[in-house]
C-alpha atoms as a PDB file:
ATOM      1  CA  MET A   1     -38.381  26.521  16.211  1.00  0.00           C
ATOM      2  CA  LYS A   2     -38.106  30.180  15.317  1.00  0.00           C
ATOM      3  CA  SER A   3     -39.523  32.196  18.186  1.00  0.00           C
ATOM      4  CA  ASN A   4     -41.960  34.982  17.395  1.00  0.00           C
ATOM      5  CA  LEU A   5     -42.865  33.493  14.004  1.00  0.00           C
ATOM      6  CA  THR A   6     -46.504  32.616  13.373  1.00  0.00           C
ATOM      7  CA  GLU A   7     -47.883  30.537  10.523  1.00  0.00           C
ATOM      8  CA  LEU A   8     -51.263  32.162   9.831  1.00  0.00           C
ATOM      9  CA  VAL A   9     -53.619  30.246   7.551  1.00  0.00           C
ATOM     10  CA  PHE A  10     -56.977  31.504   6.284  1.00  0.00           C
ATOM     11  CA  ILE A  11     -59.486  29.154   4.643  1.00  0.00           C
ATOM     12  CA  LEU A  12     -62.266  31.353   3.283  1.00  0.00           C
ATOM     13  CA  ASP A  13     -65.561  30.318   1.725  1.00  0.00           C
ATOM     14  CA  ARG A  14     -66.342  31.978  -1.574  1.00  0.00           C
ATOM     15  CA  SER A  15     -69.190  29.714  -2.678  1.00  0.00           C
ATOM     16  CA  GLY A  16     -72.357  31.166  -4.138  1.00  0.00           C
ATOM     17  CA  SER A  17     -74.089  31.523  -0.785  1.00  0.00           C
ATOM     18  CA  MET A  18     -71.608  34.267   0.132  1.00  0.00           C
ATOM     19  CA  ALA A  19     -73.177  36.534  -2.506  1.00  0.00           C
ATOM     20  CA  GLY A  20     -73.738  40.018  -1.146  1.00  0.00           C
ATOM     21  CA  LEU A  21     -70.975  39.660   1.441  1.00  0.00           C
ATOM     22  CA  GLU A  22     -68.018  40.147  -0.876  1.00  0.00           C
ATOM     23  CA  THR A  23     -67.251  43.755   0.059  1.00  0.00           C
ATOM     24  CA  ASP A  24     -67.435  43.071   3.790  1.00  0.00           C
ATOM     25  CA  THR A  25     -65.280  39.952   3.472  1.00  0.00           C
ATOM     26  CA  ILE A  26     -62.641  41.830   1.490  1.00  0.00           C
ATOM     27  CA  GLY A  27     -62.656  44.756   3.910  1.00  0.00           C
ATOM     28  CA  GLY A  28     -62.588  42.542   6.987  1.00  0.00           C
ATOM     29  CA  PHE A  29     -59.743  40.398   5.710  1.00  0.00           C
ATOM     30  CA  ASN A  30     -57.683  43.413   4.665  1.00  0.00           C
ATOM     31  CA  SER A  31     -58.213  45.057   8.054  1.00  0.00           C
ATOM     32  CA  VAL A  32     -56.773  41.967   9.749  1.00  0.00           C
ATOM     33  CA  LEU A  33     -53.696  42.118   7.524  1.00  0.00           C
ATOM     34  CA  ASP A  34     -53.208  45.832   8.196  1.00  0.00           C
ATOM     35  CA  LYS A  35     -53.450  45.417  11.967  1.00  0.00           C
ATOM     36  CA  GLN A  36     -51.287  42.301  12.085  1.00  0.00           C
ATOM     37  CA  LYS A  37     -48.526  44.026  10.135  1.00  0.00           C
ATOM     38  CA  LYS A  38     -48.157  46.371  13.101  1.00  0.00           C
ATOM     39  CA  GLU A  39     -47.781  43.594  15.665  1.00  0.00           C
ATOM     40  CA  GLU A  40     -44.389  42.529  16.948  1.00  0.00           C
ATOM     41  CA  GLY A  41     -42.843  39.441  15.424  1.00  0.00           C
ATOM     42  CA  ASP A  42     -43.139  37.845  12.021  1.00  0.00           C
ATOM     43  CA  ALA A  43     -45.972  36.006  10.327  1.00  0.00           C
ATOM     44  CA  LEU A  44     -46.281  33.900   7.205  1.00  0.00           C
ATOM     45  CA  VAL A  45     -49.732  34.137   5.627  1.00  0.00           C
ATOM     46  CA  THR A  46     -51.427  31.471   3.551  1.00  0.00           C
ATOM     47  CA  THR A  47     -54.863  32.237   2.132  1.00  0.00           C
ATOM     48  CA  VAL A  48     -57.068  29.603   0.538  1.00  0.00           C
ATOM     49  CA  LEU A  49     -60.294  30.490  -1.251  1.00  0.00           C
ATOM     50  CA  PHE A  50     -62.672  27.617  -1.826  1.00  0.00           C
ATOM     51  CA  ASP A  51     -65.944  26.767  -3.493  1.00  0.00           C
ATOM     52  CA  HIS A  52     -66.118  23.534  -5.495  1.00  0.00           C
ATOM     53  CA  ASP A  53     -62.571  24.444  -6.556  1.00  0.00           C
ATOM     54  CA  TYR A  54     -59.494  25.270  -4.502  1.00  0.00           C
ATOM     55  CA  GLU A  55     -57.326  28.350  -4.943  1.00  0.00           C
ATOM     56  CA  LEU A  56     -54.092  28.961  -3.055  1.00  0.00           C
ATOM     57  CA  LEU A  57     -54.117  32.742  -3.198  1.00  0.00           C
ATOM     58  CA  HIS A  58     -51.248  33.473  -0.792  1.00  0.00           C
ATOM     59  CA  ASP A  59     -48.501  30.909  -0.316  1.00  0.00           C
ATOM     60  CA  ARG A  60     -46.748  31.486   3.031  1.00  0.00           C
ATOM     61  CA  ILE A  61     -45.998  35.126   2.283  1.00  0.00           C
ATOM     62  CA  ASN A  62     -44.366  37.357   4.885  1.00  0.00           C
ATOM     63  CA  ILE A  63     -47.225  39.506   6.136  1.00  0.00           C
ATOM     64  CA  LYS A  64     -45.167  42.665   5.822  1.00  0.00           C
ATOM     65  CA  ASN A  65     -44.908  42.059   2.064  1.00  0.00           C
ATOM     66  CA  LEU A  66     -48.547  41.136   1.550  1.00  0.00           C
ATOM     67  CA  GLU A  67     -51.023  43.339  -0.278  1.00  0.00           C
ATOM     68  CA  GLY A  68     -54.713  43.233   0.496  1.00  0.00           C
ATOM     69  CA  ILE A  69     -57.253  41.439  -1.659  1.00  0.00           C
ATOM     70  CA  SER A  70     -59.852  42.978  -3.967  1.00  0.00           C
ATOM     71  CA  ALA A  71     -62.882  41.925  -5.992  1.00  0.00           C
ATOM     72  CA  LYS A  72     -60.433  40.648  -8.581  1.00  0.00           C
ATOM     73  CA  GLU A  73     -59.382  37.871  -6.183  1.00  0.00           C
ATOM     74  CA  TYR A  74     -62.477  37.391  -4.044  1.00  0.00           C
ATOM     75  CA  TYR A  75     -65.684  36.722  -5.954  1.00  0.00           C
ATOM     76  CA  VAL A  76     -68.370  34.142  -5.268  1.00  0.00           C
ATOM     77  CA  ARG A  77     -69.423  31.101  -7.260  1.00  0.00           C
ATOM     78  CA  GLY A  78     -70.134  27.405  -7.028  1.00  0.00           C
ATOM     79  CA  THR A  79     -70.692  24.922  -4.217  1.00  0.00           C
ATOM     80  CA  THR A  80     -68.998  24.204  -0.871  1.00  0.00           C
ATOM     81  CA  ALA A  81     -66.112  21.711  -0.805  1.00  0.00           C
ATOM     82  CA  LEU A  82     -65.157  22.561   2.767  1.00  0.00           C
ATOM     83  CA  LEU A  83     -63.606  19.222   3.738  1.00  0.00           C
ATOM     84  CA  ASP A  84     -61.345  19.195   0.695  1.00  0.00           C
ATOM     85  CA  ALA A  85     -60.208  22.750   1.403  1.00  0.00           C
ATOM     86  CA  MET A  86     -59.378  21.893   5.004  1.00  0.00           C
ATOM     87  CA  GLY A  87     -57.697  18.585   4.238  1.00  0.00           C
ATOM     88  CA  ARG A  88     -55.582  19.878   1.376  1.00  0.00           C
ATOM     89  CA  THR A  89     -54.443  22.919   3.325  1.00  0.00           C
ATOM     90  CA  ILE A  90     -53.510  20.974   6.449  1.00  0.00           C
ATOM     91  CA  ASN A  91     -51.433  18.616   4.314  1.00  0.00           C
ATOM     92  CA  TYR A  92     -49.845  21.490   2.427  1.00  0.00           C
ATOM     93  CA  ILE A  93     -48.828  23.455   5.514  1.00  0.00           C
ATOM     94  CA  GLY A  94     -47.652  20.328   7.308  1.00  0.00           C
ATOM     95  CA  ASN A  95     -45.410  19.363   4.404  1.00  0.00           C
ATOM     96  CA  ALA A  96     -44.097  22.901   4.012  1.00  0.00           C
ATOM     97  CA  ILE A  97     -43.115  23.093   7.670  1.00  0.00           C
ATOM     98  CA  SER A  98     -41.553  19.618   7.550  1.00  0.00           C
ATOM     99  CA  ASP A  99     -39.418  20.758   4.620  1.00  0.00           C
ATOM    100  CA  THR A 100     -38.212  23.790   6.575  1.00  0.00           C
ATOM    101  CA  ALA A 101     -35.072  23.652   8.706  1.00  0.00           C
ATOM    102  CA  LYS A 102     -36.010  23.131  12.359  1.00  0.00           C
ATOM    103  CA  GLU A 103     -34.514  26.428  13.456  1.00  0.00           C
ATOM    104  CA  ASP A 104     -36.699  28.267  10.910  1.00  0.00           C
ATOM    105  CA  ARG A 105     -40.018  26.585  11.677  1.00  0.00           C
ATOM    106  CA  PRO A 106     -42.793  28.734  13.159  1.00  0.00           C
ATOM    107  CA  ASP A 107     -43.407  28.388  16.861  1.00  0.00           C
ATOM    108  CA  LYS A 108     -47.154  28.979  16.367  1.00  0.00           C
ATOM    109  CA  VAL A 109     -49.582  27.750  13.698  1.00  0.00           C
ATOM    110  CA  VAL A 110     -53.092  29.217  13.526  1.00  0.00           C
ATOM    111  CA  PHE A 111     -55.822  28.126  11.088  1.00  0.00           C
ATOM    112  CA  VAL A 112     -58.882  30.337  10.605  1.00  0.00           C
ATOM    113  CA  ILE A 113     -61.825  28.748   8.783  1.00  0.00           C
ATOM    114  CA  ILE A 114     -64.853  30.850   7.820  1.00  0.00           C
ATOM    115  CA  THR A 115     -67.872  29.444   5.983  1.00  0.00           C
ATOM    116  CA  ASP A 116     -71.543  30.303   5.654  1.00  0.00           C
ATOM    117  CA  GLY A 117     -72.769  26.921   4.516  1.00  0.00           C
ATOM    118  CA  MET A 118     -72.521  23.204   5.067  1.00  0.00           C
ATOM    119  CA  GLU A 119     -70.170  20.913   3.195  1.00  0.00           C
ATOM    120  CA  ASN A 120     -71.781  19.649  -0.012  1.00  0.00           C
ATOM    121  CA  SER A 121     -69.238  18.826  -2.708  1.00  0.00           C
ATOM    122  CA  SER A 122     -65.913  17.440  -1.403  1.00  0.00           C
ATOM    123  CA  GLN A 123     -64.371  14.540  -3.298  1.00  0.00           C
ATOM    124  CA  GLU A 124     -61.024  13.850  -1.615  1.00  0.00           C
ATOM    125  CA  PHE A 125     -61.521  14.094   2.158  1.00  0.00           C
ATOM    126  CA  SER A 126     -64.138  12.721   4.539  1.00  0.00           C
ATOM    127  CA  LYS A 127     -65.210  14.304   7.814  1.00  0.00           C
ATOM    128  CA  ASP A 128     -63.526  11.531   9.801  1.00  0.00           C
ATOM    129  CA  LYS A 129     -60.273  11.979   7.883  1.00  0.00           C
ATOM    130  CA  VAL A 130     -60.207  15.726   8.468  1.00  0.00           C
ATOM    131  CA  LYS A 131     -61.012  15.247  12.152  1.00  0.00           C
ATOM    132  CA  ALA A 132     -58.129  12.798  12.552  1.00  0.00           C
ATOM    133  CA  MET A 133     -55.764  15.232  10.820  1.00  0.00           C
ATOM    134  CA  ILE A 134     -56.790  18.159  12.995  1.00  0.00           C
ATOM    135  CA  GLU A 135     -56.583  16.172  16.222  1.00  0.00           C
ATOM    136  CA  LYS A 136     -53.105  14.957  15.305  1.00  0.00           C
ATOM    137  CA  GLN A 137     -51.792  18.453  14.566  1.00  0.00           C
ATOM    138  CA  LYS A 138     -53.312  19.819  17.771  1.00  0.00           C
ATOM    139  CA  LYS A 139     -51.912  17.025  19.929  1.00  0.00           C
ATOM    140  CA  GLU A 140     -48.459  16.638  18.398  1.00  0.00           C
ATOM    141  CA  TYR A 141     -47.673  20.183  17.263  1.00  0.00           C
ATOM    142  CA  SER A 142     -50.077  22.448  19.215  1.00  0.00           C
ATOM    143  CA  TRP A 143     -51.663  23.884  16.096  1.00  0.00           C
ATOM    144  CA  GLU A 144     -54.657  26.141  16.724  1.00  0.00           C
ATOM    145  CA  PHE A 145     -57.864  25.898  14.680  1.00  0.00           C
ATOM    146  CA  VAL A 146     -60.663  28.481  14.734  1.00  0.00           C
ATOM    147  CA  PHE A 147     -63.997  27.769  13.031  1.00  0.00           C
ATOM    148  CA  LEU A 148     -66.675  30.362  12.293  1.00  0.00           C
ATOM    149  CA  GLY A 149     -69.848  29.070  10.667  1.00  0.00           C
ATOM    150  CA  ALA A 150     -73.215  30.511   9.610  1.00  0.00           C
ATOM    151  CA  ASN A 151     -76.445  28.735   8.672  1.00  0.00           C
ATOM    152  CA  MET A 152     -75.472  25.692  10.735  1.00  0.00           C
ATOM    153  CA  ASP A 153     -74.774  24.591  14.285  1.00  0.00           C
ATOM    154  CA  ALA A 154     -71.176  25.776  14.141  1.00  0.00           C
ATOM    155  CA  ILE A 155     -70.262  24.380  17.556  1.00  0.00           C
ATOM    156  CA  LYS A 156     -71.382  20.876  16.597  1.00  0.00           C
ATOM    157  CA  THR A 157     -69.849  21.136  13.134  1.00  0.00           C
ATOM    158  CA  ALA A 158     -66.535  22.232  14.627  1.00  0.00           C
ATOM    159  CA  ALA A 159     -66.661  19.343  17.110  1.00  0.00           C
ATOM    160  CA  ASP A 160     -67.221  16.961  14.202  1.00  0.00           C
ATOM    161  CA  PHE A 161     -63.945  18.308  12.796  1.00  0.00           C
ATOM    162  CA  GLY A 162     -62.071  17.984  16.097  1.00  0.00           C
ATOM    163  CA  ILE A 163     -62.186  21.716  16.870  1.00  0.00           C
ATOM    164  CA  ASP A 164     -62.967  22.693  20.465  1.00  0.00           C
ATOM    165  CA  GLU A 165     -66.006  24.743  21.478  1.00  0.00           C
ATOM    166  CA  ASP A 166     -63.850  27.620  22.718  1.00  0.00           C
ATOM    167  CA  ARG A 167     -62.436  27.911  19.205  1.00  0.00           C
ATOM    168  CA  ALA A 168     -65.773  27.937  17.352  1.00  0.00           C
ATOM    169  CA  SER A 169     -68.745  30.236  16.938  1.00  0.00           C
ATOM    170  CA  ASN A 170     -71.914  30.759  14.976  1.00  0.00           C
ATOM    171  CA  PHE A 171     -72.241  34.096  13.206  1.00  0.00           C
ATOM    172  CA  CYS A 172     -74.874  36.084  11.347  1.00  0.00           C
ATOM    173  CA  ALA A 173     -74.214  35.988   7.606  1.00  0.00           C
ATOM    174  CA  ASP A 174     -74.582  39.699   6.963  1.00  0.00           C
ATOM    175  CA  SER A 175     -72.422  42.809   6.964  1.00  0.00           C
ATOM    176  CA  GLN A 176     -72.463  43.241  10.730  1.00  0.00           C
ATOM    177  CA  GLY A 177     -71.722  39.575  11.358  1.00  0.00           C
ATOM    178  CA  ILE A 178     -68.809  39.496   8.925  1.00  0.00           C
ATOM    179  CA  ASN A 179     -67.267  42.624  10.429  1.00  0.00           C
ATOM    180  CA  LEU A 180     -67.536  41.186  13.938  1.00  0.00           C
ATOM    181  CA  ASN A 181     -65.879  38.002  12.695  1.00  0.00           C
ATOM    182  CA  TYR A 182     -62.778  39.724  11.441  1.00  0.00           C
ATOM    183  CA  THR A 183     -62.485  41.989  14.478  1.00  0.00           C
ATOM    184  CA  ALA A 184     -62.614  38.937  16.744  1.00  0.00           C
ATOM    185  CA  ILE A 185     -60.183  36.972  14.592  1.00  0.00           C
ATOM    186  CA  CYS A 186     -57.721  39.847  14.621  1.00  0.00           C
ATOM    187  CA  ASN A 187     -57.844  40.028  18.417  1.00  0.00           C
ATOM    188  CA  PHE A 188     -57.446  36.257  18.699  1.00  0.00           C
ATOM    189  CA  VAL A 189     -54.420  36.220  16.402  1.00  0.00           C
ATOM    190  CA  SER A 190     -52.818  39.157  18.211  1.00  0.00           C
ATOM    191  CA  GLU A 191     -53.105  37.411  21.563  1.00  0.00           C
ATOM    192  CA  MET A 192     -51.750  34.170  20.121  1.00  0.00           C
ATOM    193  CA  ARG A 193     -48.781  35.959  18.582  1.00  0.00           C
ATOM    194  CA  MET A 194     -48.019  37.593  21.934  1.00  0.00           C
ATOM    195  CA  GLY A 195     -47.966  34.170  23.566  1.00  0.00           C
ATOM    196  CA  LYS A 196     -51.025  34.770  25.718  1.00  0.00           C
ATOM    197  CA  LYS A 197     -53.294  31.977  26.846  1.00  0.00           C
ATOM    198  CA  VAL A 198     -56.494  32.509  24.877  1.00  0.00           C
ATOM    199  CA  GLY A 199     -59.800  31.254  26.255  1.00  0.00           C
ATOM    200  CA  SER A 200     -63.247  31.756  24.764  1.00  0.00           C
ATOM    201  CA  GLY A 201     -63.530  35.498  25.375  1.00  0.00           C
ATOM    202  CA  TRP A 202     -62.321  36.365  21.868  1.00  0.00           C
ATOM    203  CA  LYS A 203     -65.709  35.333  20.408  1.00  0.00           C
ATOM    204  CA  SER A 204     -67.976  37.029  22.955  1.00  0.00           C
ATOM    205  CA  GLU A 205     -69.130  39.837  20.655  1.00  0.00           C
ATOM    206  CA  ILE A 206     -69.906  37.412  17.820  1.00  0.00           C
ATOM    207  CA  GLU A 207     -71.935  35.199  20.132  1.00  0.00           C
ATOM    208  CA  LYS A 208     -73.745  38.157  21.665  1.00  0.00           C
ATOM    209  CA  ASP A 209     -74.734  39.358  18.200  1.00  0.00           C
ATOM    210  CA  TYR A 210     -75.793  35.885  17.114  1.00  0.00           C
ATOM    211  CA  GLY A 211     -77.849  35.471  20.268  1.00  0.00           C
ATOM    212  CA  LYS A 212     -79.789  38.619  19.417  1.00  0.00           C
ATOM    213  CA  ARG A 213     -80.133  38.238  15.666  1.00  0.00           C
ATOM    214  CA  GLY A 214     -79.178  34.705  14.711  1.00  0.00           C
ATOM    215  CA  LYS A 215     -82.496  33.115  13.805  1.00  0.00           C
ATOM    216  CA  LYS A 216     -83.396  36.023  11.540  1.00  0.00           C
ATOM    217  CA  HIS A 217     -80.254  35.469   9.464  1.00  0.00           C
ATOM    218  CA  GLN A 218     -80.418  31.746   8.798  1.00  0.00           C
ATOM    219  CA  LYS A 219     -80.708  30.984   5.088  1.00  0.00           C
END
């Protein structure tokens, strides 16, 4: 293991239901990159954009060499193949790490999954398959998975995927909700990279906002 190296993986929904949230998603994501570049240690960033198709936008790029995204890369379309995006990315990162010399492997792996709609178009992976994959990586390699979902019961959906309640949250699918998401994610990643034990406090502002406004923002 290479100490102070984090594998940071983003799986971001860009299906049609994200329409109107493009600017906030781009700004939120870029703000995370900017802040994480200033943290101690190294990070390799993988970014997957998914709708009914799958795009590997960033392929394990050193965060210090990574430019932000723009409307050229992030635009919305299509349906929501969430399971396929998760399954393919877990396999991809697992294989990439396996092919890396042991002394160069990251000592932390963090997946961040953000979606505003339920699975509706996957072809390759089932819910049970993805759950088994996630539980294996958590148990055997201590991978961390964070799930943020709108227009669903995100806690239950995350549990169906094998993701713990303290790593999942509902959010309001609007500008304020998206901005809170990325602020919380940035704080979570920073604490993970510093080796802190992270509980459920990272999502408190998202949950507080959802508690006040959630029902009004369900599609």
